[in-house]
C-alpha cells in the first residue's frame, strides 16, 4: 500500500525505517540485534534488487521476481 501511494522513486529509506524501526524495532531490544536487522534490511531494500541479474543466493534460485500476475508469483514460490 505504501508503494502504491507514491509517484516518486521507491522510498527505500522510508521503507527501511518503517520495517526496521517501527515494525520490528520495538521488539528488538539488543543493540547488536538491531544493527544486524538493519544491515540485513539494507541489503534487500535497495535498487539492486530490481536488477534482473541480482540474486540473493550464490545458487541463483532466490531473486526478486518481476512485477506480474498473482499466478506468476505463485509459480515462483512453488
Protein backbone atom coordinates (compact mmCIF):
# COMPACT_ATOMS: atom_id res chain seq x y z
CA UNK A 1 0.00 0.00 0.00
CA UNK A 2 2.87 2.35 0.86
CA UNK A 3 4.48 1.81 -2.55
CA UNK A 4 1.23 2.45 -4.40
CA UNK A 5 0.70 5.85 -2.78
CA UNK A 6 3.94 7.39 -4.00
CA UNK A 7 4.61 8.55 -7.55
CA UNK A 8 8.33 9.12 -6.99
CA UNK A 9 11.14 6.62 -6.92
CA UNK A 10 10.85 3.84 -4.38
CA UNK A 11 11.34 5.39 -0.91
CA UNK A 12 13.92 2.85 0.34
CA UNK A 13 14.86 4.89 3.43
CA UNK A 14 11.23 5.25 4.45
CA UNK A 15 10.64 1.53 3.95
CA UNK A 16 13.74 0.71 5.99
CA UNK A 17 12.55 2.98 8.77
CA UNK A 18 9.03 1.54 8.69
CA UNK A 19 10.19 -2.05 8.80
CA UNK A 20 13.39 -1.86 10.82
CA UNK A 21 12.44 0.75 13.39
CA UNK A 22 8.66 0.73 13.61
CA UNK A 23 7.50 -2.82 12.81
CA UNK A 24 10.40 -4.76 14.31
CA UNK A 25 12.38 -2.11 16.17
CA UNK A 26 10.22 -2.19 19.27
CA UNK A 27 10.63 -5.96 19.51
CA UNK A 28 14.41 -5.98 19.10
CA UNK A 29 15.83 -4.96 22.45
CA UNK A 30 19.53 -5.74 21.97
CA UNK A 31 21.57 -3.05 20.18
CA UNK A 32 23.64 -5.62 18.26
CA UNK A 33 20.49 -7.39 17.11
CA UNK A 34 19.07 -4.08 15.88
CA UNK A 35 22.29 -3.37 13.96
CA UNK A 36 22.10 -6.86 12.42
CA UNK A 37 18.44 -6.40 11.47
CA UNK A 38 19.07 -3.04 9.81
CA UNK A 39 22.10 -4.40 7.95
CA UNK A 40 20.07 -7.27 6.54
CA UNK A 41 17.22 -4.97 5.53
CA UNK A 42 19.65 -2.58 3.78
CA UNK A 43 20.83 -5.48 1.62
CA UNK A 44 17.31 -6.15 0.37
CA UNK A 45 15.85 -2.64 0.40
CA UNK A 46 17.80 -1.11 -2.46
CA UNK A 47 17.62 -0.53 -6.19
CA UNK A 48 19.95 -3.51 -6.65
CA UNK A 49 17.09 -5.96 -6.16
CA UNK A 50 15.35 -4.53 -9.22
CA UNK A 51 18.20 -5.66 -11.47
CA UNK A 52 17.36 -8.97 -13.18
CA UNK A 53 20.96 -10.12 -12.67
CA UNK A 54 20.80 -9.64 -8.90
CA UNK A 55 20.44 -12.88 -6.95
CA UNK A 56 20.01 -13.32 -3.20
CA UNK A 57 21.97 -16.56 -3.12
CA UNK A 58 25.01 -17.99 -4.91
CA UNK A 59 22.78 -20.72 -6.40
CA UNK A 60 20.69 -18.08 -8.20
CA UNK A 61 17.45 -19.67 -7.00
CA UNK A 62 16.46 -16.72 -4.84
CA UNK A 63 15.80 -13.39 -6.52
CA UNK A 64 13.16 -10.66 -6.60
CA UNK A 65 10.63 -11.73 -9.24
CA UNK A 66 9.50 -9.28 -11.87
CA UNK A 67 6.22 -7.48 -11.40
CA UNK A 68 3.48 -9.70 -12.68
CA UNK A 69 0.24 -11.51 -12.10
CA UNK A 70 -0.66 -13.41 -8.95
CA UNK A 71 -0.18 -16.70 -10.79
CA UNK A 72 3.39 -15.68 -11.70
CA UNK A 73 4.20 -15.11 -8.02
CA UNK A 74 2.64 -18.43 -7.03
CA UNK A 75 4.71 -20.22 -9.65
CA UNK A 76 7.89 -18.51 -8.41
CA UNK A 77 7.13 -19.52 -4.81
CA UNK A 78 6.44 -23.12 -5.84
